[in-house]
């Protein structure tokens, strides 16, 4: 069995809408519908979709906070809603817009409280804490109240708090929201190291698609509660009408390049931009350009994942 198994998952909510006077009629709203996927131990998976697609509802069911209307979930062999306490020892959760730390306590005290809550052996807790404090550069912040930390500092504290009991799975919900470029880069590097050295499985929901490109080899795209794509990031980038770009620097200025399989999109002095389908091989196009023109340099740019996702949503 995979570490995470989701089969035919459904979750509906009942809303009461005004139907005249003071009366309200119930209506059923599907949040997740016919959702199935599996995640193997050690994978780093991006779970993305527009607002209201069902991402947060899925995470809440995976952690046991919500009970599915129908379908089946197994996380580390456990049914989340029925074995929530047992499962809590095997997962970590980070919400970018919420904190699990105690607002008025120093960071160190929050970590000590979590050691008691998860019943981690004190010596093991100290070793783990020392490792994460060094990796995330928290040494000078341990005695600072959480309310005085910057957003980036607090996020590093929340990541540490989620990992102190050494979970097998880490759920990340918008972990880089509102972080500056340096903080984002530091956090991404830490997560790559965590996955490579400890084999921690990561499920990442985010609207920052650079997080996906930096961390995830596999992407699940959800829309209206249903998975509309599940596969390697490279396959997503090649999907549909996506275009790759060949940037050619010629020795001298020249008319627009004309080669089979590509279209010249822009010319700026000796530099020209050629577009070709993302699913096509670049080799014959590069060979044709090199054979017919004096080339000083060239490079290939992959399609912008934001454009790919936008096209995918539009076609659903």
Protein backbone atom coordinates (compact mmCIF):
# COMPACT_ATOMS: atom_id res chain seq x y z
CA UNK A 1 0.00 0.00 0.00
CA UNK A 2 1.17 3.56 -0.76
CA UNK A 3 1.88 5.90 2.12
CA UNK A 4 -1.17 7.99 1.16
CA UNK A 5 -4.14 6.34 -0.54
CA UNK A 6 -7.25 8.28 -1.64
CA UNK A 7 -10.03 6.42 -3.44
CA UNK A 8 -13.33 7.80 -4.79
CA UNK A 9 -13.32 10.57 -2.19
CA UNK A 10 -16.40 12.74 -1.75
CA UNK A 11 -17.06 15.58 0.66
CA UNK A 12 -20.20 17.69 0.59
CA UNK A 13 -21.40 20.53 2.79
CA UNK A 14 -25.00 21.48 3.51
CA UNK A 15 -25.73 25.19 3.25
CA UNK A 16 -29.00 26.83 4.14
CA UNK A 17 -30.07 29.54 1.72
CA UNK A 18 -32.88 32.01 2.22
CA UNK A 19 -36.02 30.86 0.39
CA UNK A 20 -38.46 33.59 1.37
CA UNK A 21 -39.22 35.31 4.65
CA UNK A 22 -37.30 33.76 7.52
CA UNK A 23 -37.21 30.32 5.96
CA UNK A 24 -33.97 28.80 4.74
CA UNK A 25 -33.85 25.82 2.43
CA UNK A 26 -30.94 23.38 2.65
CA UNK A 27 -28.73 22.86 -0.40
CA UNK A 28 -25.85 20.45 -0.86
CA UNK A 29 -22.54 21.84 -2.12
CA UNK A 30 -19.82 19.41 -3.28
CA UNK A 31 -16.31 20.42 -2.16
CA UNK A 32 -14.49 17.25 -3.27
CA UNK A 33 -15.89 14.87 -5.88
CA UNK A 34 -14.65 11.51 -7.17
CA UNK A 35 -11.06 12.24 -6.10
CA UNK A 36 -8.47 9.46 -6.28
CA UNK A 37 -4.68 9.50 -6.01
CA UNK A 38 -1.83 7.76 -4.20
CA UNK A 39 1.50 9.07 -2.95
CA UNK A 40 4.53 6.90 -2.27
CA UNK A 41 6.93 7.37 0.63
CA UNK A 42 9.58 9.98 -0.14
CA UNK A 43 7.68 11.77 -2.91
CA UNK A 44 7.44 15.56 -3.14
CA UNK A 45 4.06 16.33 -4.67
CA UNK A 46 2.53 19.68 -5.59
CA UNK A 47 -1.23 19.88 -4.97
CA UNK A 48 -2.51 22.93 -6.78
CA UNK A 49 -5.71 24.49 -8.03
CA UNK A 50 -7.72 27.72 -8.00
CA UNK A 51 -9.39 29.10 -4.87
CA UNK A 52 -12.36 26.93 -3.93
CA UNK A 53 -11.04 23.90 -5.84
CA UNK A 54 -11.03 21.67 -2.75
CA UNK A 55 -7.34 21.74 -1.73
CA UNK A 56 -7.82 22.72 1.90
CA UNK A 57 -10.80 20.37 2.26
CA UNK A 58 -8.60 17.53 1.04
CA UNK A 59 -5.82 18.38 3.51
CA UNK A 60 -8.34 18.51 6.36
CA UNK A 61 -9.60 15.04 5.46
CA UNK A 62 -6.03 13.70 5.14
CA UNK A 63 -5.27 14.95 8.66
CA UNK A 64 -8.56 13.70 10.15
CA UNK A 65 -10.04 17.13 10.85
CA UNK A 66 -12.92 16.44 8.44
CA UNK A 67 -14.74 13.15 7.87
CA UNK A 68 -15.33 12.19 4.21
CA UNK A 69 -18.92 11.98 3.02
CA UNK A 70 -17.92 8.83 1.13
CA UNK A 71 -14.84 7.16 -0.29
CA UNK A 72 -11.72 5.88 1.40
CA UNK A 73 -8.56 7.44 2.81
CA UNK A 74 -5.54 5.68 4.28
CA UNK A 75 -2.54 7.64 5.54
CA UNK A 76 0.38 5.54 6.81
CA UNK A 77 -2.09 2.65 6.93
CA UNK A 78 -4.52 4.54 9.19
CA UNK A 79 -7.98 5.97 8.61
CA UNK A 80 -7.39 9.64 9.52
CA UNK A 81 -10.73 10.55 11.10
CA UNK A 82 -10.92 7.32 13.13
CA UNK A 83 -7.26 7.26 14.24
CA UNK A 84 -6.57 10.97 14.46
CA UNK A 85 -4.44 10.85 17.62
CA UNK A 86 -2.27 7.99 16.34
CA UNK A 87 -1.90 9.70 12.98
CA UNK A 88 -0.85 13.00 14.56
CA UNK A 89 2.41 11.38 15.67
CA UNK A 90 3.23 10.48 12.07
CA UNK A 91 2.39 13.73 10.27
CA UNK A 92 3.37 17.38 10.47
CA UNK A 93 1.29 20.28 9.19
CA UNK A 94 2.29 23.86 8.37
CA UNK A 95 -0.27 26.52 7.46
CA UNK A 96 1.27 29.63 5.96
CA UNK A 97 -1.45 31.94 7.33
CA UNK A 98 -1.72 30.33 10.78
CA UNK A 99 0.77 29.39 13.45
CA UNK A 100 0.99 26.42 15.78
CA UNK A 101 3.29 28.37 18.10
CA UNK A 102 2.20 30.08 21.32
CA UNK A 103 1.99 33.78 20.51
CA UNK A 104 3.29 35.28 23.76
CA UNK A 105 5.87 32.62 24.61
CA UNK A 106 9.50 32.53 23.50
CA UNK A 107 10.15 30.18 20.63
CA UNK A 108 12.09 27.83 22.94
CA UNK A 109 9.06 27.39 25.23
CA UNK A 110 6.80 26.48 22.31
CA UNK A 111 9.25 23.76 21.29
CA UNK A 112 9.39 22.40 24.86
CA UNK A 113 5.60 22.27 25.05
CA UNK A 114 5.47 20.33 21.79
CA UNK A 115 8.00 17.85 23.19
CA UNK A 116 5.54 17.15 26.03
CA UNK A 117 2.51 16.98 23.74
CA UNK A 118 4.12 14.45 21.39
CA UNK A 119 5.89 12.66 24.26
CA UNK A 120 9.25 12.74 22.54
CA UNK A 121 12.12 11.35 24.58
CA UNK A 122 14.01 14.42 26.00
CA UNK A 123 17.46 13.49 24.68
CA UNK A 124 16.05 12.79 21.22
CA UNK A 125 14.14 16.08 21.31
CA UNK A 126 17.32 18.00 22.15
CA UNK A 127 19.26 16.39 19.30
CA UNK A 128 16.49 17.03 16.78
CA UNK A 129 15.98 20.61 17.93
CA UNK A 130 19.69 21.39 17.71
CA UNK A 131 19.76 20.07 14.15
CA UNK A 132 16.80 22.14 12.95
CA UNK A 133 17.92 25.26 14.81
CA UNK A 134 21.21 25.08 12.92
CA UNK A 135 19.67 24.27 9.54
CA UNK A 136 17.06 27.04 9.79
CA UNK A 137 19.30 29.59 11.55
CA UNK A 138 17.07 29.97 14.63
CA UNK A 139 19.80 30.17 17.28
CA UNK A 140 19.43 33.91 17.97
CA UNK A 141 15.62 33.69 18.04
CA UNK A 142 14.95 30.97 20.62
CA UNK A 143 14.33 33.43 23.46
CA UNK A 144 12.22 35.83 21.36
CA UNK A 145 8.42 35.81 21.84
CA UNK A 146 6.64 34.55 18.74
CA UNK A 147 4.69 37.82 18.40
CA UNK A 148 7.99 39.68 17.89
CA UNK A 149 9.21 37.47 15.06
CA UNK A 150 9.02 38.52 11.43
CA UNK A 151 6.85 36.43 9.12
CA UNK A 152 9.88 34.64 7.69
CA UNK A 153 11.28 33.93 11.15
CA UNK A 154 7.92 32.63 12.38
CA UNK A 155 7.60 30.39 9.35
CA UNK A 156 10.97 28.82 10.12
CA UNK A 157 9.74 28.31 13.67
CA UNK A 158 6.54 26.67 12.44
CA UNK A 159 8.49 24.34 10.16
CA UNK A 160 10.67 23.30 13.11
CA UNK A 161 7.61 22.80 15.32
CA UNK A 162 6.02 20.53 12.69
CA UNK A 163 9.15 18.37 12.43
CA UNK A 164 10.31 17.97 16.05
CA UNK A 165 8.51 14.62 16.43
CA UNK A 166 10.09 13.44 13.14
CA UNK A 167 6.93 12.79 11.11
CA UNK A 168 6.91 10.64 7.98
CA UNK A 169 4.66 13.10 6.12
CA UNK A 170 4.72 16.89 6.03
CA UNK A 171 1.70 18.81 4.70
CA UNK A 172 2.56 22.35 3.64
CA UNK A 173 -0.27 24.80 2.96
CA UNK A 174 1.10 28.00 1.36
CA UNK A 175 4.40 27.82 3.32
CA UNK A 176 6.07 30.71 1.45
CA UNK A 177 3.13 33.13 1.44
CA UNK A 178 4.32 36.75 1.87
CA UNK A 179 7.96 35.70 2.35
CA UNK A 180 10.76 37.67 0.72
CA UNK A 181 12.95 36.14 -1.97
CA UNK A 182 15.80 35.25 0.39
CA UNK A 183 13.47 33.58 2.93
CA UNK A 184 11.75 31.61 0.17
CA UNK A 185 15.05 30.36 -1.18
CA UNK A 186 16.27 29.33 2.27
CA UNK A 187 13.04 27.47 3.03
CA UNK A 188 13.03 25.65 -0.32
CA UNK A 189 16.62 24.54 0.16
CA UNK A 190 15.79 23.24 3.64
CA UNK A 191 12.82 21.23 2.31
CA UNK A 192 14.94 19.69 -0.44
CA UNK A 193 17.54 18.67 2.16
CA UNK A 194 14.84 17.28 4.46
CA UNK A 195 13.46 15.10 1.68
CA UNK A 196 16.86 13.95 0.44
CA UNK A 197 18.39 13.12 3.83
CA UNK A 198 15.37 11.94 5.84
CA UNK A 199 13.05 10.73 3.09
CA UNK A 200 10.20 12.86 4.43
CA UNK A 201 7.16 12.82 2.14
CA UNK A 202 5.93 16.32 1.22
CA UNK A 203 2.51 17.38 -0.02
CA UNK A 204 2.61 21.04 -0.96
CA UNK A 205 -0.33 23.32 -1.73
CA UNK A 206 0.62 26.75 -3.00
CA UNK A 207 -0.28 29.54 -5.40
CA UNK A 208 3.42 30.32 -5.87
CA UNK A 209 4.25 28.08 -8.80
CA UNK A 210 7.97 28.73 -8.32
CA UNK A 211 7.65 26.59 -5.18
CA UNK A 212 6.36 23.76 -7.35
CA UNK A 213 9.13 24.14 -9.91
CA UNK A 214 11.80 24.26 -7.20
CA UNK A 215 10.57 21.31 -5.13
CA UNK A 216 8.18 18.96 -6.91
CA UNK A 217 8.70 16.40 -9.66
CA UNK A 218 5.02 15.45 -9.61
CA UNK A 219 1.93 17.66 -9.67
CA UNK A 220 -1.74 16.97 -8.93
CA UNK A 221 -4.02 19.69 -10.31
CA UNK A 222 -7.49 19.84 -8.76
CA UNK A 223 -10.44 21.85 -10.08
CA UNK A 224 -13.99 21.81 -8.75
CA UNK A 225 -13.04 19.04 -6.36
CA UNK A 226 -11.71 16.62 -8.98
CA UNK A 227 -8.16 15.87 -10.13
CA UNK A 228 -7.77 17.09 -13.72
CA UNK A 229 -4.06 16.26 -13.99
CA UNK A 230 -1.76 13.91 -12.09
CA UNK A 231 1.72 13.32 -13.37
CA UNK A 232 5.30 14.59 -13.75
CA UNK A 233 5.83 18.33 -13.88
CA UNK A 234 7.53 17.94 -17.27
CA UNK A 235 4.37 16.35 -18.69
CA UNK A 236 2.29 19.23 -17.40
CA UNK A 237 4.60 21.72 -19.10
CA UNK A 238 4.26 19.82 -22.39
CA UNK A 239 0.48 19.62 -22.16
CA UNK A 240 -1.84 21.22 -24.71
CA UNK A 241 -0.65 24.19 -26.71
CA UNK A 242 2.30 25.06 -24.49
CA UNK A 243 5.34 26.40 -26.31
CA UNK A 244 9.06 26.14 -25.66
CA UNK A 245 11.35 28.95 -26.76
CA UNK A 246 14.70 28.71 -28.52
CA UNK A 247 16.73 31.88 -28.00
CA UNK A 248 19.34 32.27 -30.74
CA UNK A 249 22.21 34.77 -30.67
CA UNK A 250 23.58 35.18 -34.20
CA UNK A 251 27.02 36.53 -35.02
CA UNK A 252 25.41 39.36 -37.01
CA UNK A 253 21.93 40.75 -37.45
CA UNK A 254 19.81 38.82 -39.95
CA UNK A 255 16.23 38.54 -41.22
CA UNK A 256 13.88 36.35 -39.13
CA UNK A 257 15.13 32.76 -38.99
CA UNK A 258 13.11 30.31 -41.05
CA UNK A 259 13.39 26.61 -40.12
CA UNK A 260 10.88 23.77 -40.20
CA UNK A 261 8.99 23.16 -36.96
CA UNK A 262 9.53 26.59 -35.38
CA UNK A 263 8.17 30.11 -35.70
CA UNK A 264 10.23 33.25 -35.16
CA UNK A 265 8.34 35.26 -32.57
CA UNK A 266 10.68 38.19 -31.94
CA UNK A 267 13.85 39.75 -33.37
CA UNK A 268 16.07 42.17 -31.47
CA UNK A 269 19.33 42.84 -33.29
CA UNK A 270 21.31 39.60 -33.56
CA UNK A 271 19.06 37.88 -30.97
CA UNK A 272 15.95 36.00 -32.12
CA UNK A 273 13.25 34.08 -30.24
CA UNK A 274 11.78 30.98 -31.91
CA UNK A 275 8.71 29.13 -30.55
CA UNK A 276 7.97 25.43 -31.04
CA UNK A 277 5.54 22.94 -29.42
CA UNK A 278 6.54 21.85 -25.92
CA UNK A 279 6.07 18.20 -26.86
CA UNK A 280 8.46 18.41 -29.82
CA UNK A 281 12.17 17.64 -29.74
CA UNK A 282 14.47 20.65 -29.89
CA UNK A 283 17.30 18.71 -31.55
CA UNK A 284 16.22 18.97 -35.22
CA UNK A 285 15.39 22.67 -34.83
CA UNK A 286 18.75 23.42 -33.22
CA UNK A 287 20.52 21.41 -35.93
CA UNK A 288 18.67 23.26 -38.71
CA UNK A 289 19.48 26.67 -37.23
CA UNK A 290 23.16 25.78 -36.73
CA UNK A 291 23.43 24.47 -40.31
CA UNK A 292 21.90 27.53 -41.96
CA UNK A 293 23.07 30.43 -39.77
CA UNK A 294 26.19 31.69 -38.02
CA UNK A 295 25.29 31.07 -34.37
CA UNK A 296 27.17 32.66 -31.47
CA UNK A 297 25.05 31.13 -28.72
CA UNK A 298 21.63 29.59 -28.05
CA UNK A 299 19.47 28.45 -25.14
CA UNK A 300 16.12 26.74 -24.62
CA UNK A 301 13.45 28.10 -22.26
CA UNK A 302 10.71 25.82 -20.95
CA UNK A 303 7.09 27.02 -20.99
CA UNK A 304 5.93 29.21 -18.12
CA UNK A 305 4.08 26.91 -15.74
CA UNK A 306 1.63 29.69 -14.87
CA UNK A 307 0.51 29.82 -18.51
CA UNK A 308 0.21 26.02 -18.61
CA UNK A 309 -1.99 25.96 -15.50
CA UNK A 310 -4.12 28.82 -16.81
CA UNK A 311 -4.68 26.97 -20.11
CA UNK A 312 -5.47 23.77 -18.24
CA UNK A 313 -8.15 25.47 -16.12
CA UNK A 314 -9.65 27.10 -19.21
CA UNK A 315 -9.97 23.74 -20.94
CA UNK A 316 -11.67 21.92 -18.05
